[in-house]
Each structure stands twice: as C-alpha cells, then as structure tokens.
Amino acid sequence: MDKPSGLLSVPGKAEGHRDCLESRVKAAVPEALLVHRLDMDTSGLMVFAMNRRAQRHLGLQFERRHLEKTYEAEVVGCVAGEAGEIDLPLTVDWPNRPLQKVCHETGKPALTRWQVIGRGESRTRVLLMPKTGRSHQLRVHMLALGHPILGDRFYGTGDLAPRLLLHSGCLGLYHPSGGAWVSFVSRCPF
C-alpha cells in the first residue's frame, strides 16, 4: 500500500486520530494484517500480510534486516560528498517524547547509508537506505549530519516545506509464499 503523508499507520489514541491506513486497508480486505509502520508524516510503501503465517514471515524479515528499504528525502543545505553512512545509536528522548536522540550510553545501534541524487541552491535530494529500523532514525540521523529533512515539524524545519519531505519509495523482500525476491516501487510525490 502507498500511505499518504499525514495519515497514521495505525489508529491513534486521540479521537481525531482514528483514521489510518490499517483501517482503510481492512475495510477493503478484512483479513489484511499489519506488518510494520511508517511515521504519520512519512509517505510511501507499507506491506500488509494476508494471513498470520505471512505476517510472521514478513515481520521476521524486518526484525532480522533481511529486506531492503530505500527512502527519498530533501534536506536543508548542501551535503558534502556524494555518499556515506551515519552510524549513531538512538534512544527515546523521554522528557520530549515522541522525539528520539543520539545517545552513545543507552542508545540502540542505528545505521543509515545515504547517497546524493540531486542538488539545489539551498537543499540536497538524497536516497536514504536504513540498515536498522529505529523510530525517527532517518530524521535524527540527517539532523545529526547537519542536514535536517525539510518540513520536519519535530526536528526543526517544519516551516520550510508544506510536509515532511521523506518518502518510502522502494521496498524489497522475500515473498512469504515461495520465497521469491520481490520489489515494490512508489513514485516520490515531491
């Protein structure tokens, strides 16, 4: 499924946050089961399973990092170099939840590879390939690199774009029926 920016993956606790991709998918396909989530402000690909066995199979691929995810983002400023990686441990910023932060003492390992695919006057378009799946990983890693993602209301650039310019554009995984490698692509909307 292709989730729009601004839509939750699963229902929120607040009354105004009941609408979500999971509910919409289940309305059309009642047996569909959630496998993973995207932040509300992130758009792009999400996978749902058609039965419990497939859900477990796909969930283990996410947990064991046996799949490939690629995001497209626009970030503030001119990123130095053409490619690199950010290897910084992340943890919850408890006083400021749901924010996350880099913490070398209590953080869990988090690795993001990046590649420049375009440059503008005051922004850079990058592909982001997370090797781990921590909450807000791409947002915090790009902030730590000194180039926050445009439109990020949590990490300081919300006024620079009408939405978070982060899109889950490519997802490759092993199909739970037969094990063939399959890839899904979603065109970036910005």
Protein backbone atom coordinates (compact mmCIF):
# COMPACT_ATOMS: atom_id res chain seq x y z
CA MET A 1 0.00 0.00 0.00
CA ASP A 2 1.05 3.58 -0.60
CA LYS A 3 0.49 5.68 2.54
CA PRO A 4 -0.02 9.43 2.10
CA SER A 5 1.80 11.90 4.34
CA GLY A 6 -0.37 12.98 7.29
CA LEU A 7 -2.14 9.63 7.68
CA LEU A 8 -1.34 7.38 10.64
CA SER A 9 -0.29 3.78 10.01
CA VAL A 10 -2.45 2.54 12.91
CA PRO A 11 -5.22 4.25 14.92
CA GLY A 12 -4.05 6.90 17.38
CA LYS A 13 -5.36 7.34 20.92
CA ALA A 14 -6.83 10.79 20.34
CA GLU A 15 -10.36 10.98 18.92
CA GLY A 16 -9.19 12.89 15.85
CA HIS A 17 -6.60 10.20 15.04
CA ARG A 18 -8.83 7.19 14.37
CA ASP A 19 -8.44 7.29 10.59
CA CYS A 20 -5.38 5.31 9.50
CA LEU A 21 -4.04 3.18 6.66
CA GLU A 22 -4.63 -0.05 8.61
CA SER A 23 -8.37 0.73 8.97
CA ARG A 24 -8.67 1.69 5.32
CA VAL A 25 -6.93 -1.50 4.16
CA LYS A 26 -9.06 -3.68 6.48
CA ALA A 27 -12.24 -2.05 5.15
CA ALA A 28 -11.30 -3.27 1.67
CA VAL A 29 -9.52 -6.52 2.68
CA PRO A 30 -10.71 -7.63 6.16
CA GLU A 31 -8.09 -10.38 6.52
CA ALA A 32 -5.14 -7.98 5.98
CA LEU A 33 -2.65 -7.84 8.87
CA LEU A 34 -0.22 -5.04 9.71
CA VAL A 35 3.48 -5.89 9.32
CA HIS A 36 5.27 -2.57 10.00
CA ARG A 37 4.62 1.17 10.34
CA LEU A 38 5.68 4.49 8.90
CA ASP A 39 5.66 7.78 10.80
CA MET A 40 2.47 9.77 10.23
CA ASP A 41 4.34 12.48 8.28
CA THR A 42 6.23 10.00 6.05
CA SER A 43 4.61 8.89 2.80
CA GLY A 44 5.19 5.72 0.82
CA LEU A 45 5.22 1.95 0.81
CA MET A 46 3.81 -0.24 3.56
CA VAL A 47 3.33 -4.00 3.48
CA PHE A 48 0.34 -5.93 4.83
CA ALA A 49 0.08 -9.71 5.18
CA MET A 50 -2.86 -11.86 4.14
CA ASN A 51 -2.56 -14.40 6.98
CA ARG A 52 -0.75 -14.93 10.32
CA ARG A 53 1.98 -17.11 8.78
CA ALA A 54 2.81 -14.47 6.19
CA GLN A 55 2.71 -11.76 8.87
CA ARG A 56 5.26 -13.66 10.96
CA HIS A 57 7.46 -14.36 7.92
CA LEU A 58 7.47 -10.70 6.87
CA GLY A 59 7.85 -9.46 10.45
CA LEU A 60 10.96 -11.59 10.89
CA GLN A 61 12.45 -10.09 7.72
CA PHE A 62 12.05 -6.63 9.22
CA GLU A 63 13.40 -7.78 12.59
CA ARG A 64 16.40 -9.61 11.10
CA ARG A 65 17.01 -6.93 8.44
CA HIS A 66 16.64 -9.35 5.54
CA LEU A 67 14.97 -6.78 3.31
CA GLU A 68 15.94 -3.59 1.53
CA LYS A 69 14.32 -0.21 2.14
CA THR A 70 15.07 2.99 0.26
CA TYR A 71 13.65 6.40 1.08
CA GLU A 72 13.90 9.65 -0.84
CA ALA A 73 14.27 12.93 1.05
CA GLU A 74 15.10 16.58 0.57
CA VAL A 75 17.33 18.04 3.25
CA VAL A 76 18.44 21.51 4.26
CA GLY A 77 21.72 22.76 2.80
CA CYS A 78 24.43 21.32 0.60
CA VAL A 79 25.53 17.88 1.78
CA ALA A 80 29.30 17.43 1.45
CA GLY A 81 30.30 14.40 -0.61
CA GLU A 82 28.24 12.07 -2.75
CA ALA A 83 27.59 9.17 -0.37
CA GLY A 84 28.29 7.97 3.12
CA GLU A 85 26.86 6.38 6.22
CA ILE A 86 25.68 7.53 9.62
CA ASP A 87 26.32 5.07 12.45
CA LEU A 88 24.87 6.65 15.61
CA PRO A 89 22.93 4.89 18.39
CA LEU A 90 19.40 6.18 19.09
CA THR A 91 17.13 6.26 22.12
CA VAL A 92 13.89 7.91 23.20
CA ASP A 93 14.23 11.49 24.42
CA TRP A 94 11.94 10.75 27.40
CA PRO A 95 11.18 14.32 28.51
CA ASN A 96 10.32 15.19 24.89
CA ARG A 97 8.51 12.07 23.63
CA PRO A 98 7.95 11.10 20.84
CA LEU A 99 11.31 12.65 19.92
CA GLN A 100 14.38 10.47 19.66
CA LYS A 101 18.02 11.41 20.18
CA VAL A 102 21.56 10.18 19.66
CA CYS A 103 22.89 8.59 22.86
CA HIS A 104 26.18 6.69 23.00
CA GLU A 105 25.42 5.35 26.51
CA THR A 106 21.92 3.89 26.23
CA GLY A 107 21.07 4.12 22.53
CA LYS A 108 20.42 1.11 20.32
CA PRO A 109 22.60 0.67 17.21
CA ALA A 110 21.31 2.52 14.16
CA LEU A 111 22.91 2.65 10.71
CA THR A 112 21.81 4.68 7.69
CA ARG A 113 23.52 4.79 4.30
CA TRP A 114 22.92 7.84 2.09
CA GLN A 115 23.57 8.92 -1.48
CA VAL A 116 23.10 12.32 -3.12
CA ILE A 117 20.81 12.23 -6.17
CA GLY A 118 20.25 15.95 -6.71
CA ARG A 119 21.37 19.38 -5.58
CA GLY A 120 19.53 22.69 -5.40
CA GLU A 121 20.53 26.14 -4.24
CA SER A 122 19.87 25.50 -0.56
CA ARG A 123 18.81 21.86 -0.45
CA THR A 124 20.01 18.40 -1.37
CA ARG A 125 17.95 15.40 -2.55
CA VAL A 126 19.19 12.12 -1.08
CA LEU A 127 18.41 8.43 -1.11
CA LEU A 128 18.42 7.02 2.42
CA MET A 129 18.96 3.31 2.99
CA PRO A 130 18.39 2.38 6.63
CA LYS A 131 20.03 -0.85 7.72
CA THR A 132 18.20 -0.74 11.07
CA GLY A 133 14.66 0.39 11.76
CA ARG A 134 14.67 2.70 14.76
CA SER A 135 11.89 5.21 15.36
CA HIS A 136 12.64 8.51 13.58
CA GLN A 137 16.02 7.07 12.54
CA LEU A 138 16.32 8.88 9.22
CA ARG A 139 15.13 12.16 10.68
CA VAL A 140 17.55 12.10 13.62
CA HIS A 141 20.49 10.83 11.55
CA MET A 142 20.11 13.57 8.96
CA LEU A 143 19.78 16.15 11.75
CA ALA A 144 22.99 14.79 13.31
CA LEU A 145 24.71 15.12 9.93
CA GLY A 146 23.72 18.80 9.98
CA HIS A 147 21.10 18.48 7.25
CA PRO A 148 17.59 18.03 8.71
CA ILE A 149 14.84 16.82 6.41
CA LEU A 150 12.74 19.67 5.03
CA GLY A 151 9.27 20.02 6.55
CA ASP A 152 10.16 18.14 9.75
CA ARG A 153 7.91 19.58 12.46
CA PHE A 154 9.65 17.55 15.18
CA TYR A 155 13.28 18.27 14.36
CA GLY A 156 13.14 21.92 13.38
CA THR A 157 12.37 22.54 9.70
CA GLY A 158 8.57 22.36 9.69
CA ASP A 159 8.22 25.85 8.27
CA LEU A 160 10.49 25.17 5.27
CA ALA A 161 8.12 22.84 3.38
CA PRO A 162 4.38 22.07 3.43
CA ARG A 163 5.04 18.50 4.62
CA LEU A 164 7.88 16.21 5.70
CA LEU A 165 9.88 15.60 2.51
CA LEU A 166 10.52 11.92 3.27
CA HIS A 167 9.09 9.12 1.14
CA SER A 168 9.43 5.33 1.39
CA GLY A 169 9.98 4.70 -2.30
CA CYS A 170 11.42 1.20 -2.63
CA LEU A 171 10.93 -1.99 -0.64
CA GLY A 172 12.44 -5.36 -1.49
CA LEU A 173 11.67 -8.54 0.44
CA TYR A 174 11.26 -12.31 0.20
CA HIS A 175 7.67 -13.23 -0.63
CA PRO A 176 6.16 -15.30 2.21
CA SER A 177 4.73 -17.75 -0.33
CA GLY A 178 7.64 -19.44 -2.09
CA GLY A 179 10.44 -17.11 -1.01
CA ALA A 180 10.99 -15.27 -4.32
CA TRP A 181 12.61 -11.84 -4.03
CA VAL A 182 10.05 -9.14 -4.87
CA SER A 183 10.48 -5.38 -5.08
CA PHE A 184 7.87 -2.65 -4.85
CA VAL A 185 8.33 0.94 -6.02
CA SER A 186 6.36 4.07 -5.22
CA ARG A 187 6.98 7.29 -7.10
CA CYS A 188 8.09 10.18 -4.89
CA PRO A 189 5.31 12.81 -4.71
CA PHE A 190 7.59 15.83 -4.16
